[in-house]
Amino acid sequence: MSELTHLDEEGRVRMVDVSEKSATLREAIAEGSITMKPETLELIKNNKTKKGNVLEAARIAGIMAAKKTPELIPMCHPLLITHVHIDFSLDDASSSIGILATVKVTGQTGVEMEALTAVSVAALTIYDMCKSYDREMTISEIRLMQKSGGKSGTFVRGQV
């Protein structure tokens, strides 16, 4: 962390030049969750919300968000993403939905931001579709779980 790669010698913001980097298979996995009232979770599980199938709408939104990340985050490179997968796990005990996003590309830079954006927008879509039932929903724990490919190698959360 000795060098801030998004700043030039004069301290001006810049996009990192990845022209000389080798194209490799890169993958990132991010997760997050949204906690809600038990009644709200039941509506989602039983597909009984006024706005339709919440999880499928959130899945589509997450995929679209991964593809549009460079439009949202100024220094992200536009990438030809080759795969996005969004999974949900419903937990009655905590009245929450876990969101897991996997993003892949063969390219010169990683897809961590795309995976994190996918999780964030999927969670926001769930919130949007259910806010008329539950304004106390909480989105939390959005984090990178693992990434592979590129010069920096593999990262797995919790491994040193």
N, C-alpha and C. Protein backbone atom coordinates (compact mmCIF):
# COMPACT_ATOMS: atom_id res chain seq x y z
N MET A 1 0.82 -1.20 0.00
CA MET A 1 0.00 0.00 0.00
C MET A 1 0.86 1.26 0.00
N SER A 2 2.09 1.16 -0.49
CA SER A 2 3.00 2.31 -0.45
C SER A 2 2.67 3.35 -1.49
N GLU A 3 1.97 2.98 -2.56
CA GLU A 3 1.69 3.91 -3.64
C GLU A 3 0.19 3.96 -3.92
N LEU A 4 -0.33 5.17 -4.00
CA LEU A 4 -1.73 5.34 -4.37
C LEU A 4 -1.80 5.35 -5.89
N THR A 5 -2.31 4.28 -6.47
CA THR A 5 -2.24 4.09 -7.92
C THR A 5 -3.19 5.00 -8.70
N HIS A 6 -4.15 5.61 -8.05
CA HIS A 6 -5.09 6.47 -8.76
C HIS A 6 -4.71 7.95 -8.68
N LEU A 7 -3.47 8.21 -8.27
CA LEU A 7 -2.96 9.59 -8.24
C LEU A 7 -1.68 9.66 -9.05
N ASP A 8 -1.52 10.73 -9.83
CA ASP A 8 -0.27 10.90 -10.57
C ASP A 8 0.75 11.62 -9.68
N GLU A 9 1.91 11.96 -10.25
CA GLU A 9 3.00 12.56 -9.48
C GLU A 9 2.61 13.90 -8.84
N GLU A 10 1.65 14.59 -9.45
CA GLU A 10 1.21 15.88 -8.91
C GLU A 10 -0.02 15.75 -8.01
N GLY A 11 -0.44 14.53 -7.72
CA GLY A 11 -1.58 14.32 -6.84
C GLY A 11 -2.93 14.41 -7.53
N ARG A 12 -2.92 14.43 -8.87
CA ARG A 12 -4.17 14.47 -9.62
C ARG A 12 -4.72 13.06 -9.80
N VAL A 13 -6.03 12.97 -9.78
CA VAL A 13 -6.69 11.68 -9.96
C VAL A 13 -6.50 11.20 -11.39
N ARG A 14 -6.26 9.90 -11.54
CA ARG A 14 -6.08 9.32 -12.88
C ARG A 14 -6.60 7.89 -12.89
N MET A 15 -6.91 7.43 -14.08
CA MET A 15 -7.24 6.03 -14.25
C MET A 15 -5.92 5.28 -14.41
N VAL A 16 -5.79 4.15 -13.73
CA VAL A 16 -4.57 3.36 -13.80
C VAL A 16 -4.41 2.82 -15.22
N ASP A 17 -3.20 2.91 -15.75
CA ASP A 17 -2.89 2.39 -17.08
C ASP A 17 -2.62 0.90 -16.98
N VAL A 18 -3.50 0.08 -17.56
CA VAL A 18 -3.33 -1.37 -17.51
C VAL A 18 -2.88 -1.93 -18.86
N SER A 19 -2.43 -1.04 -19.77
CA SER A 19 -2.06 -1.44 -21.13
C SER A 19 -1.01 -2.54 -21.16
N GLU A 20 -0.05 -2.50 -20.26
CA GLU A 20 1.06 -3.45 -20.27
C GLU A 20 0.76 -4.73 -19.48
N LYS A 21 -0.38 -4.78 -18.80
CA LYS A 21 -0.72 -5.97 -18.01
C LYS A 21 -1.18 -7.10 -18.93
N SER A 22 -0.91 -8.32 -18.51
CA SER A 22 -1.36 -9.49 -19.26
C SER A 22 -2.84 -9.74 -18.96
N ALA A 23 -3.54 -10.17 -19.98
CA ALA A 23 -4.94 -10.57 -19.80
C ALA A 23 -4.94 -11.96 -19.17
N THR A 24 -5.58 -12.08 -18.02
CA THR A 24 -5.71 -13.36 -17.33
C THR A 24 -7.16 -13.53 -16.90
N LEU A 25 -7.52 -14.78 -16.59
CA LEU A 25 -8.85 -15.04 -16.03
C LEU A 25 -8.88 -14.47 -14.63
N ARG A 26 -9.85 -13.61 -14.38
CA ARG A 26 -10.00 -12.98 -13.07
C ARG A 26 -11.41 -13.22 -12.57
N GLU A 27 -11.51 -13.50 -11.29
CA GLU A 27 -12.80 -13.78 -10.67
C GLU A 27 -12.86 -13.10 -9.32
N ALA A 28 -14.04 -12.59 -8.98
CA ALA A 28 -14.24 -11.99 -7.66
C ALA A 28 -15.58 -12.46 -7.12
N ILE A 29 -15.61 -12.70 -5.82
CA ILE A 29 -16.83 -13.10 -5.13
C ILE A 29 -17.05 -12.13 -3.99
N ALA A 30 -18.24 -11.55 -3.95
CA ALA A 30 -18.61 -10.61 -2.88
C ALA A 30 -19.91 -11.08 -2.25
N GLU A 31 -20.13 -10.65 -1.03
CA GLU A 31 -21.36 -11.00 -0.34
C GLU A 31 -21.88 -9.82 0.45
N GLY A 32 -23.13 -9.92 0.83
CA GLY A 32 -23.77 -8.93 1.68
C GLY A 32 -25.07 -9.51 2.17
N SER A 33 -25.80 -8.75 2.96
CA SER A 33 -27.09 -9.24 3.45
C SER A 33 -28.05 -8.09 3.68
N ILE A 34 -29.31 -8.46 3.72
CA ILE A 34 -30.37 -7.51 4.07
C ILE A 34 -31.27 -8.19 5.10
N THR A 35 -31.44 -7.51 6.22
CA THR A 35 -32.25 -8.02 7.32
C THR A 35 -33.58 -7.28 7.33
N MET A 36 -34.63 -8.01 7.67
CA MET A 36 -35.97 -7.44 7.59
C MET A 36 -36.89 -8.06 8.64
N LYS A 37 -38.11 -7.57 8.71
CA LYS A 37 -39.11 -8.18 9.59
C LYS A 37 -39.43 -9.58 9.07
N PRO A 38 -39.73 -10.50 9.96
CA PRO A 38 -40.10 -11.86 9.52
C PRO A 38 -41.25 -11.86 8.52
N GLU A 39 -42.20 -10.96 8.69
CA GLU A 39 -43.36 -10.90 7.78
C GLU A 39 -42.92 -10.52 6.36
N THR A 40 -41.93 -9.65 6.27
CA THR A 40 -41.43 -9.23 4.96
C THR A 40 -40.73 -10.40 4.28
N LEU A 41 -39.92 -11.12 5.04
CA LEU A 41 -39.24 -12.29 4.48
C LEU A 41 -40.26 -13.31 3.97
N GLU A 42 -41.34 -13.50 4.70
CA GLU A 42 -42.39 -14.44 4.28
C GLU A 42 -43.03 -13.99 2.96
N LEU A 43 -43.29 -12.70 2.82
CA LEU A 43 -43.85 -12.19 1.57
C LEU A 43 -42.91 -12.50 0.39
N ILE A 44 -41.63 -12.29 0.62
CA ILE A 44 -40.64 -12.55 -0.44
C ILE A 44 -40.60 -14.05 -0.76
N LYS A 45 -40.53 -14.87 0.28
CA LYS A 45 -40.44 -16.33 0.09
C LYS A 45 -41.64 -16.87 -0.67
N ASN A 46 -42.81 -16.31 -0.39
CA ASN A 46 -44.05 -16.80 -1.01
C ASN A 46 -44.45 -16.03 -2.26
N ASN A 47 -43.56 -15.13 -2.70
CA ASN A 47 -43.80 -14.33 -3.91
C ASN A 47 -45.14 -13.59 -3.83
N LYS A 48 -45.35 -12.91 -2.70
CA LYS A 48 -46.63 -12.23 -2.46
C LYS A 48 -46.51 -10.71 -2.38
N THR A 49 -45.42 -10.15 -2.86
CA THR A 49 -45.30 -8.69 -2.82
C THR A 49 -46.06 -8.08 -4.00
N LYS A 50 -46.47 -6.83 -3.82
CA LYS A 50 -47.21 -6.11 -4.87
C LYS A 50 -46.38 -5.92 -6.13
N LYS A 51 -45.07 -5.84 -5.97
CA LYS A 51 -44.21 -5.50 -7.11
C LYS A 51 -43.68 -6.72 -7.86
N GLY A 52 -44.06 -7.92 -7.45
CA GLY A 52 -43.63 -9.10 -8.19
C GLY A 52 -42.54 -9.89 -7.51
N ASN A 53 -41.85 -10.71 -8.28
CA ASN A 53 -40.82 -11.61 -7.76
C ASN A 53 -39.58 -10.80 -7.37
N VAL A 54 -39.43 -10.60 -6.08
CA VAL A 54 -38.37 -9.74 -5.55
C VAL A 54 -36.98 -10.29 -5.87
N LEU A 55 -36.78 -11.56 -5.65
CA LEU A 55 -35.44 -12.12 -5.84
C LEU A 55 -35.01 -12.15 -7.30
N GLU A 56 -35.94 -12.43 -8.20
CA GLU A 56 -35.55 -12.43 -9.62
C GLU A 56 -35.28 -11.00 -10.11
N ALA A 57 -36.06 -10.05 -9.62
CA ALA A 57 -35.78 -8.65 -9.98
C ALA A 57 -34.41 -8.22 -9.43
N ALA A 58 -34.10 -8.63 -8.20
CA ALA A 58 -32.82 -8.30 -7.59
C ALA A 58 -31.67 -8.99 -8.33
N ARG A 59 -31.90 -10.21 -8.79
CA ARG A 59 -30.87 -10.93 -9.55
C ARG A 59 -30.55 -10.17 -10.85
N ILE A 60 -31.59 -9.79 -11.57
CA ILE A 60 -31.39 -9.04 -12.82
C ILE A 60 -30.70 -7.70 -12.54
N ALA A 61 -31.13 -7.01 -11.50
CA ALA A 61 -30.53 -5.72 -11.15
C ALA A 61 -29.05 -5.88 -10.81
N GLY A 62 -28.71 -6.93 -10.07
CA GLY A 62 -27.31 -7.18 -9.71
C GLY A 62 -26.45 -7.45 -10.93
N ILE A 63 -26.97 -8.24 -11.86
CA ILE A 63 -26.23 -8.53 -13.09
C ILE A 63 -26.03 -7.25 -13.90
N MET A 64 -27.09 -6.48 -14.05
CA MET A 64 -26.98 -5.21 -14.79
C MET A 64 -25.98 -4.27 -14.11
N ALA A 65 -26.00 -4.22 -12.79
CA ALA A 65 -25.11 -3.33 -12.04
C ALA A 65 -23.65 -3.71 -12.26
N ALA A 66 -23.36 -5.00 -12.25
CA ALA A 66 -21.98 -5.44 -12.48
C ALA A 66 -21.49 -4.92 -13.83
N LYS A 67 -22.35 -5.00 -14.84
CA LYS A 67 -21.97 -4.56 -16.18
C LYS A 67 -21.84 -3.04 -16.29
N LYS A 68 -22.50 -2.30 -15.42
CA LYS A 68 -22.49 -0.84 -15.50
C LYS A 68 -21.58 -0.19 -14.44
N THR A 69 -20.80 -0.96 -13.75
CA THR A 69 -19.94 -0.43 -12.68
C THR A 69 -19.08 0.75 -13.13
N PRO A 70 -18.44 0.70 -14.32
CA PRO A 70 -17.61 1.85 -14.72
C PRO A 70 -18.40 3.14 -14.92
N GLU A 71 -19.71 3.04 -15.09
CA GLU A 71 -20.54 4.24 -15.21
C GLU A 71 -20.82 4.86 -13.85
N LEU A 72 -20.63 4.08 -12.78
CA LEU A 72 -20.93 4.52 -11.43
C LEU A 72 -19.70 4.92 -10.63
N ILE A 73 -18.59 4.21 -10.86
CA ILE A 73 -17.37 4.43 -10.10
C ILE A 73 -16.33 4.99 -11.07
N PRO A 74 -15.93 6.23 -10.87
CA PRO A 74 -15.17 6.96 -11.89
C PRO A 74 -13.91 6.30 -12.43
N MET A 75 -13.11 5.64 -11.63
CA MET A 75 -11.83 5.12 -12.11
C MET A 75 -11.87 3.64 -12.51
N CYS A 76 -13.05 3.04 -12.54
CA CYS A 76 -13.16 1.64 -12.97
C CYS A 76 -13.05 1.55 -14.49
N HIS A 77 -12.33 0.53 -14.94
CA HIS A 77 -12.18 0.30 -16.37
C HIS A 77 -13.42 -0.40 -16.92
N PRO A 78 -13.87 -0.03 -18.12
CA PRO A 78 -14.94 -0.80 -18.76
C PRO A 78 -14.40 -2.18 -19.11
N LEU A 79 -15.13 -3.22 -18.77
CA LEU A 79 -14.67 -4.59 -18.96
C LEU A 79 -15.68 -5.39 -19.77
N LEU A 80 -15.19 -6.35 -20.51
CA LEU A 80 -16.06 -7.29 -21.20
C LEU A 80 -16.29 -8.47 -20.26
N ILE A 81 -17.20 -8.28 -19.33
CA ILE A 81 -17.49 -9.29 -18.32
C ILE A 81 -18.01 -10.55 -19.03
N THR A 82 -17.47 -11.70 -18.62
CA THR A 82 -17.86 -12.95 -19.27
C THR A 82 -18.88 -13.74 -18.46
N HIS A 83 -19.04 -13.42 -17.16
CA HIS A 83 -20.00 -14.17 -16.35
C HIS A 83 -20.36 -13.38 -15.09
N VAL A 84 -21.64 -13.36 -14.76
CA VAL A 84 -22.11 -12.82 -13.48
C VAL A 84 -23.14 -13.80 -12.95
N HIS A 85 -22.97 -14.19 -11.70
CA HIS A 85 -23.94 -15.09 -11.06
C HIS A 85 -24.32 -14.49 -9.71
N ILE A 86 -25.61 -14.38 -9.46
CA ILE A 86 -26.12 -13.86 -8.19
C ILE A 86 -26.92 -14.97 -7.51
N ASP A 87 -26.60 -15.23 -6.25
CA ASP A 87 -27.31 -16.25 -5.48
C ASP A 87 -27.87 -15.63 -4.21
N PHE A 88 -28.98 -16.17 -3.74
CA PHE A 88 -29.61 -15.69 -2.51
C PHE A 88 -29.77 -16.85 -1.55
N SER A 89 -29.59 -16.57 -0.26
CA SER A 89 -29.88 -17.57 0.78
C SER A 89 -30.79 -16.90 1.81
N LEU A 90 -31.96 -17.50 2.00
CA LEU A 90 -32.95 -16.95 2.94
C LEU A 90 -32.77 -17.64 4.28
N ASP A 91 -32.71 -16.84 5.34
CA ASP A 91 -32.48 -17.36 6.69
C ASP A 91 -33.61 -16.91 7.61
N ASP A 92 -34.48 -17.85 7.96
CA ASP A 92 -35.60 -17.53 8.84
C ASP A 92 -35.13 -17.11 10.24
N ALA A 93 -34.07 -17.75 10.74
CA ALA A 93 -33.60 -17.47 12.10
C ALA A 93 -33.19 -16.01 12.27
N SER A 94 -32.53 -15.45 11.29
CA SER A 94 -32.08 -14.05 11.38
C SER A 94 -32.98 -13.11 10.60
N SER A 95 -33.99 -13.66 9.93
CA SER A 95 -34.91 -12.90 9.09
C SER A 95 -34.11 -12.05 8.09
N SER A 96 -33.25 -12.74 7.36
CA SER A 96 -32.38 -12.03 6.43
C SER A 96 -32.21 -12.80 5.12
N ILE A 97 -31.72 -12.08 4.15
CA ILE A 97 -31.38 -12.68 2.86
C ILE A 97 -29.90 -12.41 2.62
N GLY A 98 -29.14 -13.48 2.41
CA GLY A 98 -27.74 -13.35 2.04
C GLY A 98 -27.65 -13.23 0.53
N ILE A 99 -26.74 -12.40 0.07
CA ILE A 99 -26.55 -12.16 -1.36
C ILE A 99 -25.10 -12.49 -1.69
N LEU A 100 -24.90 -13.33 -2.69
CA LEU A 100 -23.56 -13.72 -3.12
C LEU A 100 -23.44 -13.46 -4.62
N ALA A 101 -22.43 -12.69 -5.00
CA ALA A 101 -22.20 -12.38 -6.42
C ALA A 101 -20.83 -12.88 -6.84
N THR A 102 -20.81 -13.56 -7.98
CA THR A 102 -19.57 -14.03 -8.58
C THR A 102 -19.46 -13.38 -9.95
N VAL A 103 -18.33 -12.76 -10.23
CA VAL A 103 -18.11 -12.09 -11.51
C VAL A 103 -16.79 -12.58 -12.08
N LYS A 104 -16.79 -12.85 -13.40
CA LYS A 104 -15.58 -13.31 -14.09
C LYS A 104 -15.31 -12.47 -15.33
N VAL A 105 -14.02 -12.38 -15.67
CA VAL A 105 -13.58 -11.71 -16.88
C VAL A 105 -12.21 -12.27 -17.26
N THR A 106 -11.91 -12.29 -18.51
CA THR A 106 -10.54 -12.49 -18.94
C THR A 106 -10.08 -11.11 -19.40
N GLY A 107 -9.19 -10.51 -18.61
CA GLY A 107 -8.81 -9.14 -18.91
C GLY A 107 -7.56 -8.72 -18.16
N GLN A 108 -7.31 -7.42 -18.21
CA GLN A 108 -6.10 -6.84 -17.65
C GLN A 108 -6.29 -6.24 -16.26
N THR A 109 -7.52 -6.28 -15.77
CA THR A 109 -7.78 -5.77 -14.44
C THR A 109 -8.92 -6.58 -13.82
N GLY A 110 -8.99 -6.53 -12.49
CA GLY A 110 -9.92 -7.39 -11.76
C GLY A 110 -11.35 -6.91 -11.75
N VAL A 111 -12.21 -7.74 -11.16
CA VAL A 111 -13.65 -7.48 -11.14
C VAL A 111 -14.21 -7.38 -9.72
N GLU A 112 -13.35 -6.98 -8.77
CA GLU A 112 -13.82 -6.83 -7.40
C GLU A 112 -14.93 -5.79 -7.29
N MET A 113 -14.74 -4.65 -7.93
CA MET A 113 -15.74 -3.59 -7.83
C MET A 113 -17.06 -4.01 -8.46
N GLU A 114 -16.98 -4.79 -9.53
CA GLU A 114 -18.19 -5.26 -10.20
C GLU A 114 -18.97 -6.22 -9.29
N ALA A 115 -18.26 -7.10 -8.58
CA ALA A 115 -18.93 -8.03 -7.67
C ALA A 115 -19.55 -7.28 -6.49
N LEU A 116 -18.82 -6.32 -5.94
CA LEU A 116 -19.34 -5.52 -4.82
C LEU A 116 -20.55 -4.68 -5.25
N THR A 117 -20.49 -4.14 -6.44
CA THR A 117 -21.61 -3.34 -6.97
C THR A 117 -22.83 -4.22 -7.21
N ALA A 118 -22.60 -5.42 -7.72
CA ALA A 118 -23.71 -6.36 -7.95
C ALA A 118 -24.45 -6.66 -6.64
N VAL A 119 -23.70 -6.94 -5.59
CA VAL A 119 -24.32 -7.23 -4.28
C VAL A 119 -25.08 -6.01 -3.78
N SER A 120 -24.45 -4.84 -3.87
CA SER A 120 -25.08 -3.61 -3.37
C SER A 120 -26.39 -3.32 -4.07
N VAL A 121 -26.41 -3.41 -5.38
CA VAL A 121 -27.61 -3.08 -6.13
C VAL A 121 -28.68 -4.16 -5.97
N ALA A 122 -28.29 -5.41 -5.84
CA ALA A 122 -29.27 -6.46 -5.56
C ALA A 122 -29.96 -6.18 -4.21
N ALA A 123 -29.17 -5.80 -3.20
CA ALA A 123 -29.74 -5.48 -1.89
C ALA A 123 -30.65 -4.25 -1.96
N LEU A 124 -30.21 -3.24 -2.69
CA LEU A 124 -31.04 -2.03 -2.84
C LEU A 124 -32.34 -2.34 -3.57
N THR A 125 -32.30 -3.25 -4.51
CA THR A 125 -33.52 -3.63 -5.24
C THR A 125 -34.50 -4.34 -4.30
N ILE A 126 -33.99 -5.22 -3.46
CA ILE A 126 -34.86 -5.88 -2.47
C ILE A 126 -35.49 -4.81 -1.58
N TYR A 127 -34.67 -3.87 -1.12
CA TYR A 127 -35.20 -2.79 -0.27
C TYR A 127 -36.29 -2.02 -1.01
N ASP A 128 -36.01 -1.63 -2.23
CA ASP A 128 -36.96 -0.84 -3.01
C ASP A 128 -38.29 -1.58 -3.20
N MET A 129 -38.21 -2.85 -3.50
CA MET A 129 -39.43 -3.60 -3.78
C MET A 129 -40.24 -3.91 -2.53
N CYS A 130 -39.61 -3.79 -1.36
CA CYS A 130 -40.29 -4.16 -0.11
C CYS A 130 -40.45 -3.00 0.88
N LYS A 131 -40.02 -1.81 0.50
CA LYS A 131 -40.05 -0.70 1.45
C LYS A 131 -41.45 -0.32 1.90
N SER A 132 -42.47 -0.60 1.11
CA SER A 132 -43.83 -0.28 1.55
C SER A 132 -44.29 -1.19 2.69
N TYR A 133 -43.61 -2.32 2.88
CA TYR A 133 -43.93 -3.24 3.97
C TYR A 133 -43.02 -3.04 5.17
N ASP A 134 -41.79 -2.56 4.92
CA ASP A 134 -40.78 -2.60 5.97
C ASP A 134 -39.70 -1.56 5.68
N ARG A 135 -39.80 -0.40 6.32
CA ARG A 135 -38.79 0.64 6.11
C ARG A 135 -37.59 0.49 7.04
N GLU A 136 -37.61 -0.52 7.90
CA GLU A 136 -36.49 -0.73 8.82
C GLU A 136 -35.51 -1.79 8.32
N MET A 137 -35.64 -2.22 7.07
CA MET A 137 -34.68 -3.19 6.54
C MET A 137 -33.28 -2.60 6.64
N THR A 138 -32.30 -3.47 6.86
CA THR A 138 -30.92 -3.04 7.01
C THR A 138 -30.03 -3.82 6.05
N ILE A 139 -29.31 -3.08 5.23
CA ILE A 139 -28.34 -3.67 4.32
C ILE A 139 -26.99 -3.63 5.04
N SER A 140 -26.27 -4.77 5.05
CA SER A 140 -25.01 -4.79 5.79
C SER A 140 -24.03 -5.82 5.25
N GLU A 141 -22.83 -5.74 5.81
CA GLU A 141 -21.78 -6.73 5.57
C GLU A 141 -21.43 -6.93 4.10
N ILE A 142 -21.48 -5.86 3.32
CA ILE A 142 -21.07 -5.97 1.91
C ILE A 142 -19.54 -5.99 1.90
N ARG A 143 -18.99 -7.08 1.37
CA ARG A 143 -17.54 -7.24 1.42
C ARG A 143 -17.04 -8.22 0.37
N LEU A 144 -15.78 -8.04 0.01
CA LEU A 144 -15.13 -8.96 -0.91
C LEU A 144 -14.76 -10.22 -0.14
N MET A 145 -15.12 -11.37 -0.67
CA MET A 145 -14.82 -12.64 -0.03
C MET A 145 -13.59 -13.30 -0.64
N GLN A 146 -13.46 -13.14 -1.95
CA GLN A 146 -12.30 -13.74 -2.61
C GLN A 146 -12.11 -13.14 -3.98
N LYS A 147 -10.88 -13.20 -4.43
CA LYS A 147 -10.56 -12.76 -5.79
C LYS A 147 -9.35 -13.56 -6.26
N SER A 148 -9.32 -13.78 -7.57
CA SER A 148 -8.19 -14.51 -8.13
C SER A 148 -7.84 -13.92 -9.49
N GLY A 149 -6.60 -14.19 -9.91
CA GLY A 149 -6.12 -13.71 -11.19
C GLY A 149 -5.31 -12.45 -11.04
N GLY A 150 -4.49 -12.20 -12.04
CA GLY A 150 -3.69 -10.99 -12.04
C GLY A 150 -2.42 -11.12 -11.23
N LYS A 151 -1.63 -10.06 -11.26
CA LYS A 151 -0.31 -10.03 -10.63
C LYS A 151 -0.37 -10.19 -9.11
N SER A 152 -1.42 -9.65 -8.49
CA SER A 152 -1.50 -9.71 -7.03
C SER A 152 -1.94 -11.08 -6.52
N GLY A 153 -2.36 -11.96 -7.41
CA GLY A 153 -2.68 -13.33 -7.01
C GLY A 153 -4.05 -13.48 -6.38
N THR A 154 -4.15 -14.47 -5.51
CA THR A 154 -5.42 -14.84 -4.90
C THR A 154 -5.58 -14.22 -3.52
N PHE A 155 -6.78 -13.75 -3.24
CA PHE A 155 -7.16 -13.26 -1.92
C PHE A 155 -8.37 -14.06 -1.47
N VAL A 156 -8.33 -14.58 -0.25
CA VAL A 156 -9.48 -15.24 0.35
C VAL A 156 -9.65 -14.62 1.73
N ARG A 157 -10.82 -14.03 1.99
CA ARG A 157 -11.07 -13.38 3.28
C ARG A 157 -10.80 -14.36 4.42
N GLY A 158 -10.07 -13.87 5.40
CA GLY A 158 -9.77 -14.70 6.57
C GLY A 158 -8.49 -15.51 6.47
N GLN A 159 -7.92 -15.57 5.27
CA GLN A 159 -6.64 -16.26 5.11
C GLN A 159 -5.52 -15.23 5.04
N VAL A 160 -4.44 -15.49 5.72
CA VAL A 160 -3.32 -14.56 5.74
C VAL A 160 -2.33 -14.91 4.65
